[in-house]
PDB file of N, CA and C in Angstrom:
ATOM      1  N   UNK A   1     -10.872  -9.379  12.126  1.00  0.00           N
ATOM      2  CA  UNK A   1     -10.049  -9.061  10.974  1.00  0.00           C
ATOM      3  C   UNK A   1     -10.626  -7.812  10.312  1.00  0.00           C
ATOM      4  N   UNK A   2      -9.752  -6.849  10.065  1.00  0.00           N
ATOM      5  CA  UNK A   2     -10.169  -5.582   9.473  1.00  0.00           C
ATOM      6  C   UNK A   2      -9.252  -5.288   8.286  1.00  0.00           C
ATOM      7  N   UNK A   3      -9.639  -5.765   7.108  1.00  0.00           N
ATOM      8  CA  UNK A   3      -8.821  -5.632   5.909  1.00  0.00           C
ATOM      9  C   UNK A   3      -9.115  -4.306   5.227  1.00  0.00           C
ATOM     10  N   UNK A   4      -8.043  -3.569   4.928  1.00  0.00           N
ATOM     11  CA  UNK A   4      -8.161  -2.309   4.187  1.00  0.00           C
ATOM     12  C   UNK A   4      -7.203  -2.391   3.002  1.00  0.00           C
ATOM     13  N   UNK A   5      -7.726  -2.133   1.809  1.00  0.00           N
ATOM     14  CA  UNK A   5      -6.910  -2.130   0.595  1.00  0.00           C
ATOM     15  C   UNK A   5      -6.772  -0.683   0.135  1.00  0.00           C
ATOM     16  N   UNK A   6      -5.543  -0.175   0.166  1.00  0.00           N
ATOM     17  CA  UNK A   6      -5.252   1.195  -0.285  1.00  0.00           C
ATOM     18  C   UNK A   6      -4.781   1.110  -1.738  1.00  0.00           C
ATOM     19  N   UNK A   7      -5.398   1.901  -2.601  1.00  0.00           N
ATOM     20  CA  UNK A   7      -5.038   1.840  -4.019  1.00  0.00           C
ATOM     21  C   UNK A   7      -5.170   3.208  -4.686  1.00  0.00           C
ATOM     22  N   UNK A   8      -4.480   3.360  -5.795  1.00  0.00           N
ATOM     23  CA  UNK A   8      -4.582   4.579  -6.598  1.00  0.00           C
ATOM     24  C   UNK A   8      -5.405   4.337  -7.853  1.00  0.00           C
ATOM     25  N   UNK A   9      -5.292   3.153  -8.410  1.00  0.00           N
ATOM     26  CA  UNK A   9      -6.051   2.815  -9.613  1.00  0.00           C
ATOM     27  C   UNK A   9      -6.286   1.313  -9.619  1.00  0.00           C
ATOM     28  N   UNK A  10      -7.231   0.905 -10.430  1.00  0.00           N
ATOM     29  CA  UNK A  10      -7.561  -0.516 -10.526  1.00  0.00           C
ATOM     30  C   UNK A  10      -6.515  -1.222 -11.388  1.00  0.00           C
ATOM     31  N   UNK A  11      -5.393  -1.572 -10.789  1.00  0.00           N
ATOM     32  CA  UNK A  11      -4.396  -2.328 -11.539  1.00  0.00           C
ATOM     33  C   UNK A  11      -4.603  -3.825 -11.276  1.00  0.00           C
ATOM     34  N   UNK A  12      -3.819  -4.654 -11.904  1.00  0.00           N
ATOM     35  CA  UNK A  12      -3.979  -6.096 -11.808  1.00  0.00           C
ATOM     36  C   UNK A  12      -3.853  -6.580 -10.355  1.00  0.00           C
ATOM     37  N   UNK A  13      -2.868  -6.066  -9.623  1.00  0.00           N
ATOM     38  CA  UNK A  13      -2.670  -6.499  -8.240  1.00  0.00           C
ATOM     39  C   UNK A  13      -3.832  -6.087  -7.332  1.00  0.00           C
ATOM     40  N   UNK A  14      -4.406  -4.926  -7.579  1.00  0.00           N
ATOM     41  CA  UNK A  14      -5.565  -4.484  -6.798  1.00  0.00           C
ATOM     42  C   UNK A  14      -6.746  -5.401  -7.069  1.00  0.00           C
ATOM     43  N   UNK A  15      -6.973  -5.719  -8.327  1.00  0.00           N
ATOM     44  CA  UNK A  15      -8.063  -6.629  -8.675  1.00  0.00           C
ATOM     45  C   UNK A  15      -7.847  -8.005  -8.058  1.00  0.00           C
ATOM     46  N   UNK A  16      -6.606  -8.445  -8.037  1.00  0.00           N
ATOM     47  CA  UNK A  16      -6.270  -9.737  -7.445  1.00  0.00           C
ATOM     48  C   UNK A  16      -6.585  -9.738  -5.943  1.00  0.00           C
ATOM     49  N   UNK A  17      -6.235  -8.650  -5.262  1.00  0.00           N
ATOM     50  CA  UNK A  17      -6.510  -8.542  -3.828  1.00  0.00           C
ATOM     51  C   UNK A  17      -8.012  -8.547  -3.563  1.00  0.00           C
ATOM     52  N   UNK A  18      -8.756  -7.761  -4.321  1.00  0.00           N
ATOM     53  CA  UNK A  18     -10.212  -7.724  -4.137  1.00  0.00           C
ATOM     54  C   UNK A  18     -10.831  -9.100  -4.378  1.00  0.00           C
ATOM     55  N   UNK A  19     -10.410  -9.746  -5.446  1.00  0.00           N
ATOM     56  CA  UNK A  19     -10.939 -11.075  -5.775  1.00  0.00           C
ATOM     57  C   UNK A  19     -10.605 -12.083  -4.671  1.00  0.00           C
ATOM     58  N   UNK A  20      -9.379 -12.040  -4.153  1.00  0.00           N
ATOM     59  CA  UNK A  20      -8.943 -12.951  -3.092  1.00  0.00           C
ATOM     60  C   UNK A  20      -9.880 -12.872  -1.889  1.00  0.00           C
ATOM     61  N   UNK A  21     -10.139 -11.665  -1.425  1.00  0.00           N
ATOM     62  CA  UNK A  21     -10.971 -11.511  -0.227  1.00  0.00           C
ATOM     63  C   UNK A  21     -12.450 -11.774  -0.519  1.00  0.00           C
ATOM     64  N   UNK A  22     -12.921 -11.407  -1.717  1.00  0.00           N
ATOM     65  CA  UNK A  22     -14.317 -11.681  -2.083  1.00  0.00           C
ATOM     66  C   UNK A  22     -14.586 -13.180  -2.129  1.00  0.00           C
ATOM     67  N   UNK A  23     -13.679 -13.923  -2.773  1.00  0.00           N
ATOM     68  CA  UNK A  23     -13.858 -15.364  -2.910  1.00  0.00           C
ATOM     69  C   UNK A  23     -13.900 -16.071  -1.561  1.00  0.00           C
ATOM     70  N   UNK A  24     -13.220 -15.515  -0.572  1.00  0.00           N
ATOM     71  CA  UNK A  24     -13.181 -16.122   0.759  1.00  0.00           C
ATOM     72  C   UNK A  24     -14.193 -15.495   1.717  1.00  0.00           C
ATOM     73  N   UNK A  25     -15.027 -14.624   1.167  1.00  0.00           N
ATOM     74  CA  UNK A  25     -16.072 -13.921   1.925  1.00  0.00           C
ATOM     75  C   UNK A  25     -15.500 -13.190   3.145  1.00  0.00           C
ATOM     76  N   UNK A  26     -14.361 -12.575   2.934  1.00  0.00           N
ATOM     77  CA  UNK A  26     -13.726 -11.761   3.977  1.00  0.00           C
ATOM     78  C   UNK A  26     -14.055 -10.302   3.669  1.00  0.00           C
ATOM     79  N   UNK A  27     -14.760  -9.612   4.567  1.00  0.00           N
ATOM     80  CA  UNK A  27     -15.081  -8.211   4.303  1.00  0.00           C
ATOM     81  C   UNK A  27     -13.812  -7.353   4.268  1.00  0.00           C
ATOM     82  N   UNK A  28     -13.810  -6.389   3.383  1.00  0.00           N
ATOM     83  CA  UNK A  28     -12.673  -5.478   3.269  1.00  0.00           C
ATOM     84  C   UNK A  28     -13.187  -4.097   2.903  1.00  0.00           C
ATOM     85  N   UNK A  29     -12.318  -3.123   3.122  1.00  0.00           N
ATOM     86  CA  UNK A  29     -12.630  -1.741   2.772  1.00  0.00           C
ATOM     87  C   UNK A  29     -11.630  -1.309   1.712  1.00  0.00           C
ATOM     88  N   UNK A  30     -12.109  -0.681   0.646  1.00  0.00           N
ATOM     89  CA  UNK A  30     -11.245  -0.184  -0.416  1.00  0.00           C
ATOM     90  C   UNK A  30     -11.086   1.319  -0.243  1.00  0.00           C
ATOM     91  N   UNK A  31      -9.855   1.784  -0.129  1.00  0.00           N
ATOM     92  CA  UNK A  31      -9.582   3.214   0.054  1.00  0.00           C
ATOM     93  C   UNK A  31      -8.875   3.737  -1.197  1.00  0.00           C
ATOM     94  N   UNK A  32      -9.541   4.633  -1.897  1.00  0.00           N
ATOM     95  CA  UNK A  32      -8.979   5.264  -3.090  1.00  0.00           C
ATOM     96  C   UNK A  32      -8.125   6.442  -2.636  1.00  0.00           C
ATOM     97  N   UNK A  33      -6.823   6.334  -2.847  1.00  0.00           N
ATOM     98  CA  UNK A  33      -5.900   7.361  -2.366  1.00  0.00           C
ATOM     99  C   UNK A  33      -5.995   8.668  -3.160  1.00  0.00           C
ATOM    100  N   UNK A  34      -6.740   8.665  -4.256  1.00  0.00           N
ATOM    101  CA  UNK A  34      -6.972   9.921  -4.976  1.00  0.00           C
ATOM    102  C   UNK A  34      -8.020  10.756  -4.248  1.00  0.00           C
ATOM    103  N   UNK A  35      -8.917  10.078  -3.521  1.00  0.00           N
ATOM    104  CA  UNK A  35      -9.975  10.776  -2.802  1.00  0.00           C
ATOM    105  C   UNK A  35      -9.653  10.976  -1.330  1.00  0.00           C
ATOM    106  N   UNK A  36      -8.978  10.017  -0.732  1.00  0.00           N
ATOM    107  CA  UNK A  36      -8.674  10.055   0.702  1.00  0.00           C
ATOM    108  C   UNK A  36      -7.166   9.980   0.897  1.00  0.00           C
ATOM    109  N   UNK A  37      -6.599  11.049   1.374  1.00  0.00           N
ATOM    110  CA  UNK A  37      -5.147  11.094   1.565  1.00  0.00           C
ATOM    111  C   UNK A  37      -4.744  10.288   2.788  1.00  0.00           C
ATOM    112  N   UNK A  38      -3.565   9.696   2.704  1.00  0.00           N
ATOM    113  CA  UNK A  38      -3.012   8.964   3.836  1.00  0.00           C
ATOM    114  C   UNK A  38      -2.598   9.934   4.926  1.00  0.00           C
ATOM    115  N   UNK A  39      -2.739   9.506   6.154  1.00  0.00           N
ATOM    116  CA  UNK A  39      -2.259  10.303   7.272  1.00  0.00           C
ATOM    117  C   UNK A  39      -0.831   9.926   7.621  1.00  0.00           C
ATOM    118  N   UNK A  40      -0.181  10.768   8.386  1.00  0.00           N
ATOM    119  CA  UNK A  40       1.197  10.543   8.804  1.00  0.00           C
ATOM    120  C   UNK A  40       1.329   9.212   9.561  1.00  0.00           C
ATOM    121  N   UNK A  41       0.355   8.931  10.421  1.00  0.00           N
ATOM    122  CA  UNK A  41       0.409   7.717  11.237  1.00  0.00           C
ATOM    123  C   UNK A  41       0.342   6.455  10.365  1.00  0.00           C
ATOM    124  N   UNK A  42      -0.578   6.446   9.393  1.00  0.00           N
ATOM    125  CA  UNK A  42      -0.696   5.293   8.497  1.00  0.00           C
ATOM    126  C   UNK A  42       0.567   5.100   7.667  1.00  0.00           C
ATOM    127  N   UNK A  43       1.065   6.188   7.096  1.00  0.00           N
ATOM    128  CA  UNK A  43       2.259   6.102   6.265  1.00  0.00           C
ATOM    129  C   UNK A  43       3.458   5.636   7.077  1.00  0.00           C
ATOM    130  N   UNK A  44       3.568   6.095   8.307  1.00  0.00           N
ATOM    131  CA  UNK A  44       4.663   5.656   9.182  1.00  0.00           C
ATOM    132  C   UNK A  44       4.574   4.163   9.476  1.00  0.00           C
ATOM    133  N   UNK A  45       3.352   3.666   9.683  1.00  0.00           N
ATOM    134  CA  UNK A  45       3.160   2.227   9.901  1.00  0.00           C
ATOM    135  C   UNK A  45       3.626   1.443   8.672  1.00  0.00           C
ATOM    136  N   UNK A  46       3.245   1.898   7.482  1.00  0.00           N
ATOM    137  CA  UNK A  46       3.657   1.217   6.257  1.00  0.00           C
ATOM    138  C   UNK A  46       5.178   1.215   6.130  1.00  0.00           C
ATOM    139  N   UNK A  47       5.794   2.338   6.442  1.00  0.00           N
ATOM    140  CA  UNK A  47       7.248   2.454   6.337  1.00  0.00           C
ATOM    141  C   UNK A  47       7.943   1.535   7.343  1.00  0.00           C
ATOM    142  N   UNK A  48       7.408   1.444   8.562  1.00  0.00           N
ATOM    143  CA  UNK A  48       7.998   0.546   9.571  1.00  0.00           C
ATOM    144  C   UNK A  48       7.901  -0.913   9.141  1.00  0.00           C
ATOM    145  N   UNK A  49       6.784  -1.287   8.572  1.00  0.00           N
ATOM    146  CA  UNK A  49       6.556  -2.688   8.198  1.00  0.00           C
ATOM    147  C   UNK A  49       7.229  -3.072   6.880  1.00  0.00           C
ATOM    148  N   UNK A  50       7.238  -2.165   5.920  1.00  0.00           N
ATOM    149  CA  UNK A  50       7.706  -2.492   4.578  1.00  0.00           C
ATOM    150  C   UNK A  50       9.031  -1.829   4.206  1.00  0.00           C
ATOM    151  N   UNK A  51       9.350  -0.719   4.870  1.00  0.00           N
ATOM    152  CA  UNK A  51      10.514   0.080   4.505  1.00  0.00           C
ATOM    153  C   UNK A  51      10.077   1.209   3.592  1.00  0.00           C
ATOM    154  N   UNK A  52      10.468   2.410   3.918  1.00  0.00           N
ATOM    155  CA  UNK A  52      10.045   3.589   3.147  1.00  0.00           C
ATOM    156  C   UNK A  52      10.476   3.479   1.686  1.00  0.00           C
ATOM    157  N   UNK A  53      11.670   2.962   1.457  1.00  0.00           N
ATOM    158  CA  UNK A  53      12.195   2.845   0.094  1.00  0.00           C
ATOM    159  C   UNK A  53      11.276   1.985  -0.774  1.00  0.00           C
ATOM    160  N   UNK A  54      10.690   0.930  -0.193  1.00  0.00           N
ATOM    161  CA  UNK A  54       9.822   0.007  -0.937  1.00  0.00           C
ATOM    162  C   UNK A  54       8.490   0.646  -1.341  1.00  0.00           C
ATOM    163  N   UNK A  55       8.089   1.692  -0.644  1.00  0.00           N
ATOM    164  CA  UNK A  55       6.789   2.312  -0.906  1.00  0.00           C
ATOM    165  C   UNK A  55       6.750   3.148  -2.185  1.00  0.00           C
ATOM    166  N   UNK A  56       7.900   3.530  -2.705  1.00  0.00           N
ATOM    167  CA  UNK A  56       7.953   4.390  -3.890  1.00  0.00           C
ATOM    168  C   UNK A  56       7.794   3.542  -5.151  1.00  0.00           C
ATOM    169  N   UNK A  57       6.853   3.937  -6.020  1.00  0.00           N
ATOM    170  CA  UNK A  57       6.591   3.229  -7.270  1.00  0.00           C
ATOM    171  C   UNK A  57       7.633   3.624  -8.303  1.00  0.00           C
ATOM    172  N   UNK A  58       8.622   2.775  -8.489  1.00  0.00           N
ATOM    173  CA  UNK A  58       9.705   3.076  -9.416  1.00  0.00           C
ATOM    174  C   UNK A  58       9.376   2.702 -10.865  1.00  0.00           C
ATOM    175  N   UNK A  59       8.134   2.323 -11.120  1.00  0.00           N
ATOM    176  CA  UNK A  59       7.671   2.102 -12.491  1.00  0.00           C
ATOM    177  C   UNK A  59       6.874   3.308 -12.978  1.00  0.00           C
ATOM    178  N   UNK A  60       6.625   4.235 -12.080  1.00  0.00           N
ATOM    179  CA  UNK A  60       5.860   5.444 -12.398  1.00  0.00           C
ATOM    180  C   UNK A  60       6.818   6.519 -12.928  1.00  0.00           C
ATOM    181  N   UNK A  61       6.654   6.961 -14.169  1.00  0.00           N
ATOM    182  CA  UNK A  61       7.552   7.969 -14.739  1.00  0.00           C
ATOM    183  C   UNK A  61       7.595   9.265 -13.920  1.00  0.00           C
ATOM    184  N   UNK A  62       6.467   9.670 -13.353  1.00  0.00           N
ATOM    185  CA  UNK A  62       6.447  10.896 -12.547  1.00  0.00           C
ATOM    186  C   UNK A  62       7.306  10.732 -11.306  1.00  0.00           C
ATOM    187  N   UNK A  63       7.239   9.572 -10.672  1.00  0.00           N
ATOM    188  CA  UNK A  63       8.058   9.327  -9.482  1.00  0.00           C
ATOM    189  C   UNK A  63       9.533   9.236  -9.855  1.00  0.00           C
ATOM    190  N   UNK A  64       9.814   8.613 -10.989  1.00  0.00           N
ATOM    191  CA  UNK A  64      11.214   8.473 -11.422  1.00  0.00           C
ATOM    192  C   UNK A  64      11.861   9.811 -11.767  1.00  0.00           C
ATOM    193  N   UNK A  65      11.064  10.771 -12.198  1.00  0.00           N
ATOM    194  CA  UNK A  65      11.617  12.084 -12.537  1.00  0.00           C
ATOM    195  C   UNK A  65      11.775  12.959 -11.293  1.00  0.00           C
ATOM    196  N   UNK A  66      11.342  12.449 -10.148  1.00  0.00           N
ATOM    197  CA  UNK A  66      11.413  13.186  -8.883  1.00  0.00           C
ATOM    198  C   UNK A  66      12.553  12.607  -8.036  1.00  0.00           C
ATOM    199  N   UNK A  67      13.224  13.439  -7.240  1.00  0.00           N
ATOM    200  CA  UNK A  67      14.324  12.943  -6.399  1.00  0.00           C
ATOM    201  C   UNK A  67      13.918  11.835  -5.416  1.00  0.00           C
ATOM    202  N   UNK A  68      12.631  11.700  -5.098  1.00  0.00           N
ATOM    203  CA  UNK A  68      12.198  10.693  -4.128  1.00  0.00           C
ATOM    204  C   UNK A  68      12.565   9.274  -4.583  1.00  0.00           C
ATOM    205  N   UNK A  69      12.606   9.039  -5.881  1.00  0.00           N
ATOM    206  CA  UNK A  69      12.909   7.707  -6.400  1.00  0.00           C
ATOM    207  C   UNK A  69      14.401   7.389  -6.349  1.00  0.00           C
ATOM    208  N   UNK A  70      15.200   8.388  -5.997  1.00  0.00           N
ATOM    209  CA  UNK A  70      16.653   8.206  -6.047  1.00  0.00           C
ATOM    210  C   UNK A  70      17.333   8.460  -4.707  1.00  0.00           C
ATOM    211  N   UNK A  71      16.578   8.287  -3.628  1.00  0.00           N
ATOM    212  CA  UNK A  71      17.145   8.495  -2.296  1.00  0.00           C
ATOM    213  C   UNK A  71      16.710   7.375  -1.377  1.00  0.00           C
ATOM    214  N   UNK A  72      17.454   7.210  -0.305  1.00  0.00           N
ATOM    215  CA  UNK A  72      17.031   6.249   0.714  1.00  0.00           C
ATOM    216  C   UNK A  72      16.819   6.957   2.055  1.00  0.00           C
ATOM    217  N   UNK A  73      16.693   8.279   2.015  1.00  0.00           N
ATOM    218  CA  UNK A  73      16.415   9.086   3.205  1.00  0.00           C
ATOM    219  C   UNK A  73      14.947   8.930   3.581  1.00  0.00           C
ATOM    220  N   UNK A  74      14.680   8.147   4.621  1.00  0.00           N
ATOM    221  CA  UNK A  74      13.310   7.806   4.993  1.00  0.00           C
ATOM    222  C   UNK A  74      12.445   9.031   5.266  1.00  0.00           C
ATOM    223  N   UNK A  75      12.967  10.001   5.979  1.00  0.00           N
ATOM    224  CA  UNK A  75      12.207  11.211   6.288  1.00  0.00           C
ATOM    225  C   UNK A  75      11.789  11.951   5.031  1.00  0.00           C
ATOM    226  N   UNK A  76      12.709  12.084   4.094  1.00  0.00           N
ATOM    227  CA  UNK A  76      12.410  12.761   2.830  1.00  0.00           C
ATOM    228  C   UNK A  76      11.367  11.984   2.029  1.00  0.00           C
ATOM    229  N   UNK A  77      11.530  10.661   1.976  1.00  0.00           N
ATOM    230  CA  UNK A  77      10.583   9.825   1.231  1.00  0.00           C
ATOM    231  C   UNK A  77       9.178   9.983   1.803  1.00  0.00           C
ATOM    232  N   UNK A  78       9.046   9.901   3.130  1.00  0.00           N
ATOM    233  CA  UNK A  78       7.727   9.997   3.749  1.00  0.00           C
ATOM    234  C   UNK A  78       7.091  11.364   3.515  1.00  0.00           C
ATOM    235  N   UNK A  79       7.887  12.416   3.597  1.00  0.00           N
ATOM    236  CA  UNK A  79       7.375  13.758   3.332  1.00  0.00           C
ATOM    237  C   UNK A  79       6.862  13.869   1.895  1.00  0.00           C
ATOM    238  N   UNK A  80       7.646  13.355   0.947  1.00  0.00           N
ATOM    239  CA  UNK A  80       7.241  13.406  -0.467  1.00  0.00           C
ATOM    240  C   UNK A  80       5.990  12.573  -0.722  1.00  0.00           C
ATOM    241  N   UNK A  81       5.888  11.405  -0.079  1.00  0.00           N
ATOM    242  CA  UNK A  81       4.719  10.552  -0.303  1.00  0.00           C
ATOM    243  C   UNK A  81       3.448  11.161   0.286  1.00  0.00           C
ATOM    244  N   UNK A  82       3.586  11.891   1.393  1.00  0.00           N
ATOM    245  CA  UNK A  82       2.416  12.578   1.958  1.00  0.00           C
ATOM    246  C   UNK A  82       1.932  13.670   1.011  1.00  0.00           C
ATOM    247  N   UNK A  83       2.884  14.388   0.392  1.00  0.00           N
ATOM    248  CA  UNK A  83       2.537  15.465  -0.529  1.00  0.00           C
ATOM    249  C   UNK A  83       2.085  14.947  -1.894  1.00  0.00           C
ATOM    250  N   UNK A  84       2.652  13.801  -2.312  1.00  0.00           N
ATOM    251  CA  UNK A  84       2.382  13.238  -3.646  1.00  0.00           C
ATOM    252  C   UNK A  84       2.013  11.761  -3.530  1.00  0.00           C
ATOM    253  N   UNK A  85       0.792  11.437  -3.117  1.00  0.00           N
ATOM    254  CA  UNK A  85       0.429  10.026  -2.955  1.00  0.00           C
ATOM    255  C   UNK A  85       0.489   9.234  -4.261  1.00  0.00           C
ATOM    256  N   UNK A  86       0.542   9.924  -5.389  1.00  0.00           N
ATOM    257  CA  UNK A  86       0.671   9.251  -6.685  1.00  0.00           C
ATOM    258  C   UNK A  86       1.991   8.530  -6.851  1.00  0.00           C
ATOM    259  N   UNK A  87       2.961   8.819  -5.996  1.00  0.00           N
ATOM    260  CA  UNK A  87       4.261   8.160  -6.059  1.00  0.00           C
ATOM    261  C   UNK A  87       4.266   6.819  -5.316  1.00  0.00           C
ATOM    262  N   UNK A  88       3.156   6.509  -4.622  1.00  0.00           N
ATOM    263  CA  UNK A  88       3.081   5.262  -3.853  1.00  0.00           C
ATOM    264  C   UNK A  88       2.908   4.049  -4.755  1.00  0.00           C
ATOM    265  N   UNK A  89       3.526   2.960  -4.339  1.00  0.00           N
ATOM    266  CA  UNK A  89       3.309   1.669  -4.979  1.00  0.00           C
ATOM    267  C   UNK A  89       2.057   1.067  -4.347  1.00  0.00           C
ATOM    268  N   UNK A  90       1.147   0.565  -5.149  1.00  0.00           N
ATOM    269  CA  UNK A  90      -0.091   0.002  -4.609  1.00  0.00           C
ATOM    270  C   UNK A  90      -0.391  -1.332  -5.275  1.00  0.00           C
ATOM    271  N   UNK A  91      -1.254  -2.148  -4.719  1.00  0.00           N
ATOM    272  CA  UNK A  91      -2.044  -1.908  -3.524  1.00  0.00           C
ATOM    273  C   UNK A  91      -1.249  -2.168  -2.250  1.00  0.00           C
ATOM    274  N   UNK A  92      -1.599  -1.435  -1.215  1.00  0.00           N
ATOM    275  CA  UNK A  92      -1.096  -1.693   0.129  1.00  0.00           C
ATOM    276  C   UNK A  92      -2.277  -2.310   0.876  1.00  0.00           C
ATOM    277  N   UNK A  93      -2.085  -3.509   1.394  1.00  0.00           N
ATOM    278  CA  UNK A  93      -3.164  -4.212   2.078  1.00  0.00           C
ATOM    279  C   UNK A  93      -2.803  -4.287   3.556  1.00  0.00           C
ATOM    280  N   UNK A  94      -3.755  -3.848   4.379  1.00  0.00           N
ATOM    281  CA  UNK A  94      -3.500  -3.749   5.820  1.00  0.00           C
ATOM    282  C   UNK A  94      -4.519  -4.567   6.607  1.00  0.00           C
ATOM    283  N   UNK A  95      -4.017  -5.268   7.598  1.00  0.00           N
ATOM    284  CA  UNK A  95      -4.856  -5.995   8.553  1.00  0.00           C
ATOM    285  C   UNK A  95      -4.324  -5.627   9.935  1.00  0.00           C
ATOM    286  N   UNK A  96      -4.904  -4.599  10.527  1.00  0.00           N
ATOM    287  CA  UNK A  96      -4.402  -4.120  11.819  1.00  0.00           C
ATOM    288  C   UNK A  96      -2.992  -3.569  11.663  1.00  0.00           C
ATOM    289  N   UNK A  97      -2.032  -4.174  12.364  1.00  0.00           N
ATOM    290  CA  UNK A  97      -0.636  -3.740  12.290  1.00  0.00           C
ATOM    291  C   UNK A  97       0.141  -4.460  11.188  1.00  0.00           C
ATOM    292  N   UNK A  98      -0.485  -5.436  10.540  1.00  0.00           N
ATOM    293  CA  UNK A  98       0.179  -6.195   9.481  1.00  0.00           C
ATOM    294  C   UNK A  98      -0.087  -5.524   8.146  1.00  0.00           C
ATOM    295  N   UNK A  99       0.952  -5.478   7.293  1.00  0.00           N
ATOM    296  CA  UNK A  99       0.851  -4.763   6.025  1.00  0.00           C
ATOM    297  C   UNK A  99       1.567  -5.549   4.932  1.00  0.00           C
ATOM    298  N   UNK A 100       0.953  -5.596   3.750  1.00  0.00           N
ATOM    299  CA  UNK A 100       1.628  -6.167   2.579  1.00  0.00           C
ATOM    300  C   UNK A 100       1.586  -5.157   1.447  1.00  0.00           C
ATOM    301  N   UNK A 101       2.480  -5.343   0.501  1.00  0.00           N
ATOM    302  CA  UNK A 101       2.576  -4.465  -0.662  1.00  0.00           C
ATOM    303  C   UNK A 101       2.462  -5.327  -1.902  1.00  0.00           C
ATOM    304  N   UNK A 102       1.541  -4.974  -2.789  1.00  0.00           N
ATOM    305  CA  UNK A 102       1.333  -5.785  -3.982  1.00  0.00           C
ATOM    306  C   UNK A 102       0.454  -6.983  -3.662  1.00  0.00           C
ATOM    307  N   UNK A 103       0.477  -7.971  -4.551  1.00  0.00           N
ATOM    308  CA  UNK A 103      -0.341  -9.177  -4.374  1.00  0.00           C
ATOM    309  C   UNK A 103       0.471 -10.206  -3.578  1.00  0.00           C
ATOM    310  N   UNK A 104       0.108 -10.417  -2.338  1.00  0.00           N
ATOM    311  CA  UNK A 104       0.817 -11.354  -1.456  1.00  0.00           C
ATOM    312  C   UNK A 104      -0.183 -12.336  -0.850  1.00  0.00           C
ATOM    313  N   UNK A 105      -0.653 -13.263  -1.677  1.00  0.00           N
ATOM    314  CA  UNK A 105      -1.704 -14.180  -1.260  1.00  0.00           C
ATOM    315  C   UNK A 105      -1.285 -15.081  -0.108  1.00  0.00           C
ATOM    316  N   UNK A 106      -0.015 -15.424  -0.013  1.00  0.00           N
ATOM    317  CA  UNK A 106       0.418 -16.288   1.092  1.00  0.00           C
ATOM    318  C   UNK A 106       0.262 -15.574   2.438  1.00  0.00           C
ATOM    319  N   UNK A 107       0.591 -14.300   2.489  1.00  0.00           N
ATOM    320  CA  UNK A 107       0.419 -13.526   3.726  1.00  0.00           C
ATOM    321  C   UNK A 107      -1.060 -13.372   4.050  1.00  0.00           C
ATOM    322  N   UNK A 108      -1.883 -13.102   3.033  1.00  0.00           N
ATOM    323  CA  UNK A 108      -3.321 -12.928   3.259  1.00  0.00           C
ATOM    324  C   UNK A 108      -3.938 -14.228   3.771  1.00  0.00           C
ATOM    325  N   UNK A 109      -3.504 -15.368   3.210  1.00  0.00           N
ATOM    326  CA  UNK A 109      -4.009 -16.666   3.662  1.00  0.00           C
ATOM    327  C   UNK A 109      -3.665 -16.895   5.125  1.00  0.00           C
ATOM    328  N   UNK A 110      -2.454 -16.508   5.513  1.00  0.00           N
ATOM    329  CA  UNK A 110      -2.037 -16.650   6.910  1.00  0.00           C
ATOM    330  C   UNK A 110      -2.916 -15.788   7.823  1.00  0.00           C
ATOM    331  N   UNK A 111      -3.267 -14.590   7.386  1.00  0.00           N
ATOM    332  CA  UNK A 111      -4.148 -13.717   8.173  1.00  0.00           C
ATOM    333  C   UNK A 111      -5.494 -14.407   8.392  1.00  0.00           C
ATOM    334  N   UNK A 112      -6.038 -15.000   7.325  1.00  0.00           N
ATOM    335  CA  UNK A 112      -7.348 -15.635   7.415  1.00  0.00           C
ATOM    336  C   UNK A 112      -7.306 -16.853   8.328  1.00  0.00           C
ATOM    337  N   UNK A 113      -6.235 -17.629   8.245  1.00  0.00           N
ATOM    338  CA  UNK A 113      -6.108 -18.820   9.092  1.00  0.00           C
ATOM    339  C   UNK A 113      -6.038 -18.452  10.564  1.00  0.00           C
ATOM    340  N   UNK A 114      -5.341 -17.358  10.863  1.00  0.00           N
ATOM    341  CA  UNK A 114      -5.249 -16.902  12.255  1.00  0.00           C
ATOM    342  C   UNK A 114      -6.587 -16.349  12.742  1.00  0.00           C
ATOM    343  N   UNK A 115      -7.357 -15.860  11.754  1.00  0.00           N
ATOM    344  CA  UNK A 115      -8.701 -15.406  11.979  1.00  0.00           C
ATOM    345  C   UNK A 115      -8.904 -14.274  12.851  1.00  0.00           C
TER     346      UNK A 115
END
């Protein structure tokens, strides 16, 4: 199991994800998207698993003032998210090819059970 938590800031859902894995003694890696930009391959995986439209943080005023929040054109969304990672909804939690968005403890529990 190789858990990676992608985040922009320490919000409630990020803290919940960290606490979940710490309490179960599951090692994880925290990736701060302000310091480490996502690659095209990673972003494409997230879009395939979650849908590009779901990746845009529509509670972020900066994202809402940008056309990316008002389109469903996957190519455009991915291009904008690569250029502006601040528009991403976080945390994105990845275990290999499996990906969740936000706090999804039921999915994480299933990952741990499969081991």
